[in-house]
C-alpha atoms as a PDB file:
ATOM      1  CA  MET A   1      37.177  24.965  -0.032  1.00  0.00           C
ATOM      2  CA  LEU A   2      33.671  23.778   0.905  1.00  0.00           C
ATOM      3  CA  THR A   3      33.499  22.926   4.580  1.00  0.00           C
ATOM      4  CA  ASN A   4      29.818  22.598   5.573  1.00  0.00           C
ATOM      5  CA  PHE A   5      30.551  19.220   7.026  1.00  0.00           C
ATOM      6  CA  PRO A   6      29.066  16.822   8.230  1.00  0.00           C
ATOM      7  CA  ASN A   7      25.654  18.017   7.020  1.00  0.00           C
ATOM      8  CA  GLY A   8      26.255  19.557   3.653  1.00  0.00           C
ATOM      9  CA  ILE A   9      29.198  19.492   1.227  1.00  0.00           C
ATOM     10  CA  THR A  10      32.626  18.103   2.160  1.00  0.00           C
ATOM     11  CA  SER A  11      35.911  19.793   1.060  1.00  0.00           C
ATOM     12  CA  PHE A  12      35.842  17.155  -1.697  1.00  0.00           C
ATOM     13  CA  GLY A  13      32.666  18.606  -2.981  1.00  0.00           C
ATOM     14  CA  ILE A  14      30.643  15.441  -2.275  1.00  0.00           C
ATOM     15  CA  PRO A  15      27.117  15.972  -0.875  1.00  0.00           C
ATOM     16  CA  LEU A  16      26.403  14.417   2.483  1.00  0.00           C
ATOM     17  CA  LEU A  17      22.747  13.870   3.227  1.00  0.00           C
ATOM     18  CA  GLY A  18      21.191  14.066   6.782  1.00  0.00           C
ATOM     19  CA  ASN A  19      22.108  15.369  10.239  1.00  0.00           C
ATOM     20  CA  ALA A  20      24.994  14.326  12.476  1.00  0.00           C
ATOM     21  CA  PRO A  21      24.457  11.154  14.388  1.00  0.00           C
ATOM     22  CA  GLY A  22      22.090  11.562  17.260  1.00  0.00           C
ATOM     23  CA  VAL A  23      20.478  14.740  16.015  1.00  0.00           C
ATOM     24  CA  PRO A  24      16.826  14.605  15.015  1.00  0.00           C
ATOM     25  CA  ILE A  25      16.496  14.210  11.319  1.00  0.00           C
ATOM     26  CA  GLY A  26      14.549  17.466  10.614  1.00  0.00           C
ATOM     27  CA  SER A  27      12.460  18.542   7.695  1.00  0.00           C
ATOM     28  CA  GLY A  28      13.701  17.230   4.433  1.00  0.00           C
ATOM     29  CA  GLN A  29      16.597  15.364   5.925  1.00  0.00           C
ATOM     30  CA  VAL A  30      17.814  11.938   5.470  1.00  0.00           C
ATOM     31  CA  ALA A  31      18.334   8.862   7.833  1.00  0.00           C
ATOM     32  CA  PHE A  32      19.880   5.431   7.291  1.00  0.00           C
ATOM     33  CA  VAL A  33      18.862   2.189   8.875  1.00  0.00           C
ATOM     34  CA  GLY A  34      20.896  -0.957   9.061  1.00  0.00           C
ATOM     35  CA  THR A  35      23.662  -2.850  10.894  1.00  0.00           C
ATOM     36  CA  ALA A  36      26.764  -0.939  12.079  1.00  0.00           C
ATOM     37  CA  ALA A  37      28.788  -2.504   9.248  1.00  0.00           C
ATOM     38  CA  GLN A  38      26.242  -1.341   6.704  1.00  0.00           C
ATOM     39  CA  MET A  39      26.266   2.185   7.968  1.00  0.00           C
ATOM     40  CA  VAL A  40      30.045   2.752   7.690  1.00  0.00           C
ATOM     41  CA  PRO A  41      29.894   4.523   4.249  1.00  0.00           C
ATOM     42  CA  PHE A  42      27.083   6.934   5.276  1.00  0.00           C
ATOM     43  CA  ALA A  43      27.313  10.219   7.100  1.00  0.00           C
ATOM     44  CA  GLY A  44      24.105  11.420   8.685  1.00  0.00           C
ATOM     45  CA  SER A  45      21.538  10.068  11.093  1.00  0.00           C
ATOM     46  CA  GLN A  46      21.960   6.368  11.582  1.00  0.00           C
ATOM     47  CA  TYR A  47      19.628   3.920  13.398  1.00  0.00           C
ATOM     48  CA  SER A  48      19.496   0.139  13.919  1.00  0.00           C
ATOM     49  CA  THR A  49      15.671   0.036  13.693  1.00  0.00           C
ATOM     50  CA  ILE A  50      13.199   1.504  11.207  1.00  0.00           C
ATOM     51  CA  GLN A  51      10.872   2.649  13.981  1.00  0.00           C
ATOM     52  CA  GLY A  52      13.765   4.393  15.698  1.00  0.00           C
ATOM     53  CA  ALA A  53      14.337   6.440  12.502  1.00  0.00           C
ATOM     54  CA  ILE A  54      10.596   7.148  12.153  1.00  0.00           C
ATOM     55  CA  ASP A  55      10.316   8.375  15.698  1.00  0.00           C
ATOM     56  CA  ALA A  56      13.168  10.778  15.203  1.00  0.00           C
ATOM     57  CA  SER A  57      11.773  12.057  11.912  1.00  0.00           C
ATOM     58  CA  ALA A  58      10.203  15.429  11.250  1.00  0.00           C
ATOM     59  CA  GLU A  59       7.947  16.199   8.386  1.00  0.00           C
ATOM     60  CA  GLY A  60       9.475  15.571   5.019  1.00  0.00           C
ATOM     61  CA  SER A  61      12.213  13.168   6.082  1.00  0.00           C
ATOM     62  CA  VAL A  62      13.531  10.282   3.962  1.00  0.00           C
ATOM     63  CA  ILE A  63      14.599   7.043   5.494  1.00  0.00           C
ATOM     64  CA  TYR A  64      16.949   4.627   3.463  1.00  0.00           C
ATOM     65  CA  VAL A  65      16.708   1.118   4.810  1.00  0.00           C
ATOM     66  CA  ALA A  66      19.490  -1.387   4.255  1.00  0.00           C
ATOM     67  CA  PRO A  67      18.727  -5.021   3.170  1.00  0.00           C
ATOM     68  CA  GLY A  68      17.769  -7.287   6.097  1.00  0.00           C
ATOM     69  CA  SER A  69      14.879  -8.612   8.096  1.00  0.00           C
ATOM     70  CA  TYR A  70      13.230  -6.253  10.598  1.00  0.00           C
ATOM     71  CA  ASP A  71      11.024  -7.799  13.354  1.00  0.00           C
ATOM     72  CA  GLU A  72       9.075  -4.542  13.891  1.00  0.00           C
ATOM     73  CA  ASN A  73       5.556  -3.239  14.032  1.00  0.00           C
ATOM     74  CA  LEU A  74       6.005   0.075  12.298  1.00  0.00           C
ATOM     75  CA  THR A  75       3.653   3.145  12.936  1.00  0.00           C
ATOM     76  CA  VAL A  76       4.008   6.360  11.014  1.00  0.00           C
ATOM     77  CA  ASP A  77       2.161   9.359  12.593  1.00  0.00           C
ATOM     78  CA  GLU A  78       4.267  12.151  11.064  1.00  0.00           C
ATOM     79  CA  ASP A  79       3.339  13.603   7.654  1.00  0.00           C
ATOM     80  CA  TYR A  80       5.427  13.194   4.473  1.00  0.00           C
ATOM     81  CA  ILE A  81       7.678  10.457   5.613  1.00  0.00           C
ATOM     82  CA  THR A  82       9.434   8.245   2.887  1.00  0.00           C
ATOM     83  CA  LEU A  83      10.788   4.778   3.381  1.00  0.00           C
ATOM     84  CA  ILE A  84      12.987   3.499   0.639  1.00  0.00           C
ATOM     85  CA  GLN A  85      15.296   0.504   0.145  1.00  0.00           C
ATOM     86  CA  MET A  86      18.920   1.517   0.138  1.00  0.00           C
ATOM     87  CA  THR A  87      20.356  -0.806  -2.568  1.00  0.00           C
ATOM     88  CA  GLY A  88      18.005  -0.070  -5.507  1.00  0.00           C
ATOM     89  CA  ALA A  89      18.099  -3.739  -6.426  1.00  0.00           C
ATOM     90  CA  GLY A  90      14.755  -5.673  -6.522  1.00  0.00           C
ATOM     91  CA  TYR A  91      15.921  -8.627  -4.347  1.00  0.00           C
ATOM     92  CA  GLY A  92      17.581  -6.292  -1.914  1.00  0.00           C
ATOM     93  CA  ARG A  93      14.270  -5.264  -0.387  1.00  0.00           C
ATOM     94  CA  PRO A  94      14.301  -4.804   3.415  1.00  0.00           C
ATOM     95  CA  ASP A  95      11.731  -7.215   4.945  1.00  0.00           C
ATOM     96  CA  VAL A  96       9.512  -5.856   7.649  1.00  0.00           C
ATOM     97  CA  VAL A  97       8.338  -9.104   9.266  1.00  0.00           C
ATOM     98  CA  PRO A  98       6.986  -8.821  12.833  1.00  0.00           C
ATOM     99  CA  THR A  99       6.459 -11.868  14.982  1.00  0.00           C
ATOM    100  CA  THR A 100       2.852 -10.933  15.331  1.00  0.00           C
ATOM    101  CA  GLY A 101       0.560  -8.073  14.301  1.00  0.00           C
ATOM    102  CA  VAL A 102       0.542  -5.470  11.516  1.00  0.00           C
ATOM    103  CA  ALA A 103       3.856  -4.754   9.831  1.00  0.00           C
ATOM    104  CA  LEU A 104       3.027  -1.088   9.003  1.00  0.00           C
ATOM    105  CA  VAL A 105       0.340   1.279  10.065  1.00  0.00           C
ATOM    106  CA  VAL A 106       0.354   4.690   8.415  1.00  0.00           C
ATOM    107  CA  ASN A 107      -1.650   7.477  10.104  1.00  0.00           C
ATOM    108  CA  GLY A 108       0.332  10.436   8.545  1.00  0.00           C
ATOM    109  CA  GLN A 109      -0.427  12.211   5.313  1.00  0.00           C
ATOM    110  CA  GLY A 110       1.797  11.967   2.248  1.00  0.00           C
ATOM    111  CA  PHE A 111       3.478   8.720   3.073  1.00  0.00           C
ATOM    112  CA  THR A 112       5.792   7.018   0.486  1.00  0.00           C
ATOM    113  CA  SER A 113       7.162   3.568   0.431  1.00  0.00           C
ATOM    114  CA  ILE A 114       9.538   2.341  -2.338  1.00  0.00           C
ATOM    115  CA  GLY A 115      11.171  -1.024  -2.669  1.00  0.00           C
ATOM    116  CA  MET A 116      10.165  -2.447   0.729  1.00  0.00           C
ATOM    117  CA  ARG A 117       8.552  -5.805   1.695  1.00  0.00           C
ATOM    118  CA  TYR A 118       5.824  -6.134   4.351  1.00  0.00           C
ATOM    119  CA  VAL A 119       4.626  -9.330   5.781  1.00  0.00           C
ATOM    120  CA  SER A 120       2.148 -10.425   8.622  1.00  0.00           C
ATOM    121  CA  GLU A 121       1.686 -13.821  10.030  1.00  0.00           C
ATOM    122  CA  ASP A 122      -1.688 -13.172  11.611  1.00  0.00           C
ATOM    123  CA  SER A 123      -3.083  -9.737  10.521  1.00  0.00           C
ATOM    124  CA  ASP A 124      -3.070  -7.123   7.784  1.00  0.00           C
ATOM    125  CA  SER A 125       0.465  -6.597   6.458  1.00  0.00           C
ATOM    126  CA  VAL A 126      -0.227  -2.865   5.937  1.00  0.00           C
ATOM    127  CA  GLN A 127      -2.971  -0.542   7.100  1.00  0.00           C
ATOM    128  CA  GLN A 128      -3.026   2.798   5.300  1.00  0.00           C
ATOM    129  CA  HIS A 129      -5.157   5.523   6.905  1.00  0.00           C
ATOM    130  CA  GLY A 130      -3.669   8.806   5.738  1.00  0.00           C
ATOM    131  CA  ASN A 131      -4.170  10.559   2.420  1.00  0.00           C
ATOM    132  CA  GLY A 132      -1.824  11.225  -0.483  1.00  0.00           C
ATOM    133  CA  PHE A 133       0.179   7.928  -0.164  1.00  0.00           C
ATOM    134  CA  TYR A 134       2.452   6.498  -2.758  1.00  0.00           C
ATOM    135  CA  TYR A 135       3.454   2.824  -2.819  1.00  0.00           C
ATOM    136  CA  ALA A 136       5.823   1.640  -5.639  1.00  0.00           C
ATOM    137  CA  ASP A 137       7.857  -1.449  -6.219  1.00  0.00           C
ATOM    138  CA  ASN A 138       6.962  -3.056  -2.914  1.00  0.00           C
ATOM    139  CA  VAL A 139       6.054  -6.604  -1.994  1.00  0.00           C
ATOM    140  CA  PHE A 140       3.041  -7.267   0.127  1.00  0.00           C
ATOM    141  CA  ASP A 141       3.038 -10.776   1.346  1.00  0.00           C
ATOM    142  CA  GLY A 142       0.239 -12.663   3.075  1.00  0.00           C
ATOM    143  CA  THR A 143       0.320 -15.994   4.801  1.00  0.00           C
ATOM    144  CA  ALA A 144      -2.027 -18.854   5.491  1.00  0.00           C
ATOM    145  CA  GLY A 145      -2.413 -17.486   8.917  1.00  0.00           C
ATOM    146  CA  MET A 146      -4.434 -14.532   7.628  1.00  0.00           C
ATOM    147  CA  ALA A 147      -8.210 -14.618   8.230  1.00  0.00           C
ATOM    148  CA  ALA A 148     -10.656 -14.046   5.417  1.00  0.00           C
ATOM    149  CA  THR A 149     -11.082 -10.483   6.695  1.00  0.00           C
ATOM    150  CA  GLU A 150      -7.474  -9.634   6.590  1.00  0.00           C
ATOM    151  CA  ALA A 151      -5.305  -8.452   3.718  1.00  0.00           C
ATOM    152  CA  CYS A 152      -1.740  -7.781   2.434  1.00  0.00           C
ATOM    153  CA  MET A 153      -2.852  -4.031   2.279  1.00  0.00           C
ATOM    154  CA  ARG A 154      -5.984  -2.321   3.697  1.00  0.00           C
ATOM    155  CA  LEU A 155      -7.024   1.144   2.642  1.00  0.00           C
ATOM    156  CA  VAL A 156      -9.318   2.500   5.408  1.00  0.00           C
ATOM    157  CA  GLY A 157      -9.975   5.957   6.903  1.00  0.00           C
ATOM    158  CA  LEU A 158      -9.906   6.777  10.557  1.00  0.00           C
ATOM    159  CA  ALA A 159     -13.102   6.654  12.570  1.00  0.00           C
ATOM    160  CA  ALA A 160     -12.198   9.692  14.650  1.00  0.00           C
ATOM    161  CA  ASP A 161     -11.183  12.140  11.851  1.00  0.00           C
ATOM    162  CA  ASP A 162     -12.650  12.249   8.378  1.00  0.00           C
ATOM    163  CA  SER A 163      -9.616  14.202   7.130  1.00  0.00           C
ATOM    164  CA  PHE A 164      -7.758  10.759   7.142  1.00  0.00           C
ATOM    165  CA  SER A 165      -9.699   8.651   4.546  1.00  0.00           C
ATOM    166  CA  ALA A 166      -6.892   6.724   2.721  1.00  0.00           C
ATOM    167  CA  SER A 167      -7.601   8.798  -0.317  1.00  0.00           C
ATOM    168  CA  GLU A 168      -5.743  10.501  -3.286  1.00  0.00           C
ATOM    169  CA  GLY A 169      -3.193   7.720  -3.163  1.00  0.00           C
ATOM    170  CA  GLN A 170      -1.319   5.637  -5.702  1.00  0.00           C
ATOM    171  CA  VAL A 171      -0.485   1.906  -5.481  1.00  0.00           C
ATOM    172  CA  VAL A 172       1.841   1.414  -8.499  1.00  0.00           C
ATOM    173  CA  ASN A 173       3.902  -1.575  -9.710  1.00  0.00           C
ATOM    174  CA  ASN A 174       3.705  -3.710  -6.550  1.00  0.00           C
ATOM    175  CA  LEU A 175       3.323  -7.406  -5.916  1.00  0.00           C
ATOM    176  CA  PHE A 176       0.467  -8.767  -3.754  1.00  0.00           C
ATOM    177  CA  ARG A 177       0.645 -12.520  -3.041  1.00  0.00           C
ATOM    178  CA  GLY A 178       0.018 -15.318  -0.671  1.00  0.00           C
ATOM    179  CA  ALA A 179      -3.026 -14.242   1.371  1.00  0.00           C
ATOM    180  CA  THR A 180      -4.519 -17.551   0.635  1.00  0.00           C
ATOM    181  CA  SER A 181      -7.423 -17.217   3.079  1.00  0.00           C
ATOM    182  CA  GLY A 182      -7.638 -13.453   2.861  1.00  0.00           C
ATOM    183  CA  ALA A 183      -7.197 -10.625   0.306  1.00  0.00           C
ATOM    184  CA  GLY A 184      -4.494  -8.994  -1.588  1.00  0.00           C
ATOM    185  CA  LEU A 185      -5.912  -5.456  -1.232  1.00  0.00           C
ATOM    186  CA  ILE A 186      -9.006  -4.430   0.751  1.00  0.00           C
ATOM    187  CA  ILE A 187     -10.711  -1.031   0.353  1.00  0.00           C
ATOM    188  CA  GLN A 188     -12.972  -0.177   3.256  1.00  0.00           C
ATOM    189  CA  HIS A 189     -14.946   2.739   4.608  1.00  0.00           C
ATOM    190  CA  ALA A 190     -14.071   3.986   8.117  1.00  0.00           C
ATOM    191  CA  ALA A 191     -16.111   3.111  11.120  1.00  0.00           C
ATOM    192  CA  VAL A 192     -18.333   5.744  12.707  1.00  0.00           C
ATOM    193  CA  PRO A 193     -18.324   8.577  13.635  1.00  0.00           C
ATOM    194  CA  SER A 194     -16.533   9.564  10.398  1.00  0.00           C
ATOM    195  CA  GLY A 195     -17.748   6.654   8.310  1.00  0.00           C
ATOM    196  CA  VAL A 196     -15.837   8.130   5.375  1.00  0.00           C
ATOM    197  CA  GLY A 197     -15.021   6.204   2.218  1.00  0.00           C
ATOM    198  CA  CYS A 198     -11.806   6.139   0.191  1.00  0.00           C
ATOM    199  CA  THR A 199     -11.711   8.452  -2.899  1.00  0.00           C
ATOM    200  CA  ASP A 200      -9.588   9.212  -5.940  1.00  0.00           C
ATOM    201  CA  ASN A 201      -7.177   6.382  -5.639  1.00  0.00           C
ATOM    202  CA  ARG A 202      -5.187   4.792  -8.436  1.00  0.00           C
ATOM    203  CA  ILE A 203      -4.295   1.022  -8.376  1.00  0.00           C
ATOM    204  CA  VAL A 204      -2.076   0.671 -11.487  1.00  0.00           C
ATOM    205  CA  GLY A 205       0.372  -1.810 -12.883  1.00  0.00           C
ATOM    206  CA  ASN A 206       0.408  -4.244  -9.949  1.00  0.00           C
ATOM    207  CA  ARG A 207       0.661  -8.122  -9.956  1.00  0.00           C
ATOM    208  CA  PHE A 208      -1.634 -10.352  -7.922  1.00  0.00           C
ATOM    209  CA  TYR A 209      -1.566 -14.003  -7.278  1.00  0.00           C
ATOM    210  CA  ASP A 210      -2.457 -16.751  -4.853  1.00  0.00           C
ATOM    211  CA  ASN A 211      -4.851 -14.657  -2.699  1.00  0.00           C
ATOM    212  CA  GLY A 212      -8.285 -15.612  -1.500  1.00  0.00           C
ATOM    213  CA  VAL A 213      -9.417 -12.671  -3.609  1.00  0.00           C
ATOM    214  CA  ASP A 214      -7.086 -10.157  -5.189  1.00  0.00           C
ATOM    215  CA  ILE A 215      -9.006  -6.896  -4.661  1.00  0.00           C
ATOM    216  CA  LEU A 216     -12.021  -6.599  -2.338  1.00  0.00           C
ATOM    217  CA  SER A 217     -14.306  -3.914  -0.980  1.00  0.00           C
ATOM    218  CA  ALA A 218     -15.527  -4.181   2.515  1.00  0.00           C
ATOM    219  CA  VAL A 219     -17.802  -2.629   5.021  1.00  0.00           C
ATOM    220  CA  ASN A 220     -16.606  -1.701   8.460  1.00  0.00           C
ATOM    221  CA  VAL A 221     -18.091  -2.623  11.846  1.00  0.00           C
ATOM    222  CA  SER A 222     -20.366   0.419  11.715  1.00  0.00           C
ATOM    223  CA  GLY A 223     -21.360   3.259   9.396  1.00  0.00           C
ATOM    224  CA  GLY A 224     -21.663   3.287   5.615  1.00  0.00           C
ATOM    225  CA  GLY A 225     -24.075   4.771   3.207  1.00  0.00           C
ATOM    226  CA  ALA A 226     -21.795   7.417   1.606  1.00  0.00           C
ATOM    227  CA  GLY A 227     -19.693   5.031  -0.518  1.00  0.00           C
ATOM    228  CA  ILE A 228     -16.772   2.732   0.289  1.00  0.00           C
ATOM    229  CA  TYR A 229     -14.778   3.786  -2.793  1.00  0.00           C
ATOM    230  CA  LEU A 230     -15.361   6.787  -5.071  1.00  0.00           C
ATOM    231  CA  ASN A 231     -13.558   7.680  -8.352  1.00  0.00           C
ATOM    232  CA  THR A 232     -11.305   4.724  -8.045  1.00  0.00           C
ATOM    233  CA  VAL A 233      -9.117   3.578 -11.014  1.00  0.00           C
ATOM    234  CA  ILE A 234      -8.030  -0.098 -11.147  1.00  0.00           C
ATOM    235  CA  GLN A 235      -5.957  -0.245 -14.353  1.00  0.00           C
ATOM    236  CA  GLY A 236      -3.217  -2.192 -16.138  1.00  0.00           C
ATOM    237  CA  ASN A 237      -2.822  -4.773 -13.441  1.00  0.00           C
ATOM    238  CA  TRP A 238      -1.919  -8.415 -13.892  1.00  0.00           C
ATOM    239  CA  PHE A 239      -4.046 -11.082 -12.173  1.00  0.00           C
ATOM    240  CA  THR A 240      -2.064 -14.264 -12.700  1.00  0.00           C
ATOM    241  CA  THR A 241      -3.849 -16.942 -10.892  1.00  0.00           C
ATOM    242  CA  SER A 242      -5.880 -19.163 -13.299  1.00  0.00           C
ATOM    243  CA  GLY A 243      -9.018 -20.989 -12.619  1.00  0.00           C
ATOM    244  CA  ALA A 244     -12.732 -20.607 -13.470  1.00  0.00           C
ATOM    245  CA  ALA A 245     -13.728 -20.268  -9.757  1.00  0.00           C
ATOM    246  CA  TYR A 246     -10.971 -17.787  -8.839  1.00  0.00           C
ATOM    247  CA  VAL A 247     -12.299 -14.253  -7.822  1.00  0.00           C
ATOM    248  CA  TYR A 248     -10.051 -11.504  -9.025  1.00  0.00           C
ATOM    249  CA  ILE A 249     -12.025  -8.441  -7.995  1.00  0.00           C
ATOM    250  CA  ASN A 250     -15.050  -8.208  -5.748  1.00  0.00           C
ATOM    251  CA  MET A 251     -16.264  -4.669  -5.313  1.00  0.00           C
ATOM    252  CA  ALA A 252     -19.886  -5.455  -4.506  1.00  0.00           C
ATOM    253  CA  ALA A 253     -19.934  -4.825  -0.707  1.00  0.00           C
ATOM    254  CA  GLY A 254     -22.027  -2.143   0.962  1.00  0.00           C
ATOM    255  CA  VAL A 255     -25.544  -1.091   1.935  1.00  0.00           C
ATOM    256  CA  ALA A 256     -27.860   0.200  -0.834  1.00  0.00           C
ATOM    257  CA  ALA A 257     -26.602   3.760  -0.423  1.00  0.00           C
ATOM    258  CA  ASP A 258     -23.006   2.662  -0.746  1.00  0.00           C
ATOM    259  CA  LEU A 259     -23.708   0.824  -3.987  1.00  0.00           C
ATOM    260  CA  ALA A 260     -25.430   3.943  -5.397  1.00  0.00           C
ATOM    261  CA  ALA A 261     -22.475   6.092  -4.462  1.00  0.00           C
ATOM    262  CA  ASN A 262     -19.500   3.892  -5.285  1.00  0.00           C
ATOM    263  CA  SER A 263     -17.743   4.948  -8.539  1.00  0.00           C
ATOM    264  CA  GLY A 264     -14.788   3.960 -10.569  1.00  0.00           C
ATOM    265  CA  ILE A 265     -13.465   2.139 -13.561  1.00  0.00           C
ATOM    266  CA  ILE A 266     -11.717  -1.278 -13.963  1.00  0.00           C
ATOM    267  CA  SER A 267      -9.915  -0.971 -17.252  1.00  0.00           C
ATOM    268  CA  GLY A 268      -6.993  -2.404 -19.254  1.00  0.00           C
ATOM    269  CA  ASN A 269      -6.305  -5.266 -16.816  1.00  0.00           C
ATOM    270  CA  TYR A 270      -5.033  -8.768 -17.699  1.00  0.00           C
ATOM    271  CA  PHE A 271      -6.606 -11.883 -16.275  1.00  0.00           C
ATOM    272  CA  ALA A 272      -5.209 -15.459 -16.388  1.00  0.00           C
ATOM    273  CA  ASP A 273      -8.527 -16.940 -17.442  1.00  0.00           C
ATOM    274  CA  ASP A 274      -9.928 -18.434 -20.651  1.00  0.00           C
ATOM    275  CA  ALA A 275     -13.321 -16.796 -20.313  1.00  0.00           C
ATOM    276  CA  LEU A 276     -13.735 -14.130 -17.694  1.00  0.00           C
ATOM    277  CA  VAL A 277     -17.201 -13.933 -16.170  1.00  0.00           C
ATOM    278  CA  ALA A 278     -18.999 -11.513 -13.885  1.00  0.00           C
ATOM    279  CA  ALA A 279     -18.507 -13.639 -10.820  1.00  0.00           C
ATOM    280  CA  GLN A 280     -14.822 -13.168 -11.135  1.00  0.00           C
ATOM    281  CA  VAL A 281     -15.051  -9.461 -11.433  1.00  0.00           C
ATOM    282  CA  ASN A 282     -18.026  -8.614  -9.260  1.00  0.00           C
ATOM    283  CA  VAL A 283     -19.430  -5.070  -9.433  1.00  0.00           C
ATOM    284  CA  ALA A 284     -23.034  -6.199  -9.048  1.00  0.00           C
ATOM    285  CA  GLY A 285     -25.674  -3.484  -8.248  1.00  0.00           C
ATOM    286  CA  GLN A 286     -23.335  -0.440  -8.664  1.00  0.00           C
ATOM    287  CA  PRO A 287     -24.391   1.743 -11.574  1.00  0.00           C
ATOM    288  CA  LYS A 288     -21.254   3.989 -11.348  1.00  0.00           C
ATOM    289  CA  VAL A 289     -18.618   1.261 -11.530  1.00  0.00           C
ATOM    290  CA  TYR A 290     -17.564   0.248 -15.106  1.00  0.00           C
ATOM    291  CA  VAL A 291     -15.594  -2.660 -16.360  1.00  0.00           C
ATOM    292  CA  SER A 292     -14.063  -1.640 -19.662  1.00  0.00           C
ATOM    293  CA  GLY A 293     -11.417  -2.864 -22.091  1.00  0.00           C
ATOM    294  CA  ASN A 294     -10.009  -5.744 -20.107  1.00  0.00           C
ATOM    295  CA  TYR A 295      -8.339  -8.909 -21.309  1.00  0.00           C
ATOM    296  CA  ASP A 296      -8.494 -12.586 -20.737  1.00  0.00           C
ATOM    297  CA  ALA A 297      -6.839 -15.400 -22.822  1.00  0.00           C
ATOM    298  CA  ALA A 298      -9.457 -15.031 -25.550  1.00  0.00           C
ATOM    299  CA  GLY A 299      -8.791 -11.261 -25.974  1.00  0.00           C
ATOM    300  CA  VAL A 300     -10.819  -8.224 -25.131  1.00  0.00           C
ATOM    301  CA  VAL A 301     -13.575  -8.788 -22.528  1.00  0.00           C
ATOM    302  CA  ASN A 302     -17.004  -7.421 -23.267  1.00  0.00           C
ATOM    303  CA  GLY A 303     -17.480  -5.226 -20.196  1.00  0.00           C
ATOM    304  CA  SER A 304     -21.165  -4.630 -20.943  1.00  0.00           C
ATOM    305  CA  THR A 305     -21.991  -7.892 -19.319  1.00  0.00           C
ATOM    306  CA  PHE A 306     -20.300  -6.779 -16.075  1.00  0.00           C
ATOM    307  CA  ASN A 307     -21.584  -3.286 -15.900  1.00  0.00           C
ATOM    308  CA  ASN A 308     -24.769  -2.200 -14.252  1.00  0.00           C
END
């Protein structure tokens, strides 16, 4: 008989994940977030708020979140935390919708988010500072209340520590929408003293629509000169808002030294436009950023007219 209950295997041989209720989650353990009724089937650490589970988490913890709307401003400082929707169904995403402010700020390294939805009424929806992040199958919603300088997601390093540069991450198979005055995704260098840019990120297989601009590079309030984004891949995304004046990608920000340092490839993307032009995918003045093998309604776009 197997009796390592409640934290391991029951006498029925069924694995039970997580610690006993009220016990800190611990490295590699599992927590659940939801209403009391939703929690009945689950043994382990149970919380009514996502932030409560995050605060109790040690490095390497996984937090399953039940469907529902969570009026929270989440902050993740611990490393290697995972937030994941409990149901596995696309429409069952938990909604993190604070009354005001940023829905999620990630300062820790190795953060993962799968199947969540983040919304802000008046700020960035998500601010990612730590490295090694992974976002998959999430929805990032903007609103008309966003300013032109705000975004559904912002990748930006920390001014105080250049070890946190929003680098070596993956943003894969997500939806960015509705930031009608702002941006879907902003990539930005940190303010001084670090001033560090974002490096080695992959933005792959996402959908963008109804944003002021879908992907945008931006300077910070201070610093710059070493590059805003380096070795960045923007590949296989779908940009589905049509219109000759619509700006899909604008990666032209920065002082002269930034423009010389920025590097990446924009490849294999699909644009809802009859004749894509350089003003819609702007990489002006950057000799290390290439537009290659993309598609509009007429077929393959000649990237040599975009490249520098």
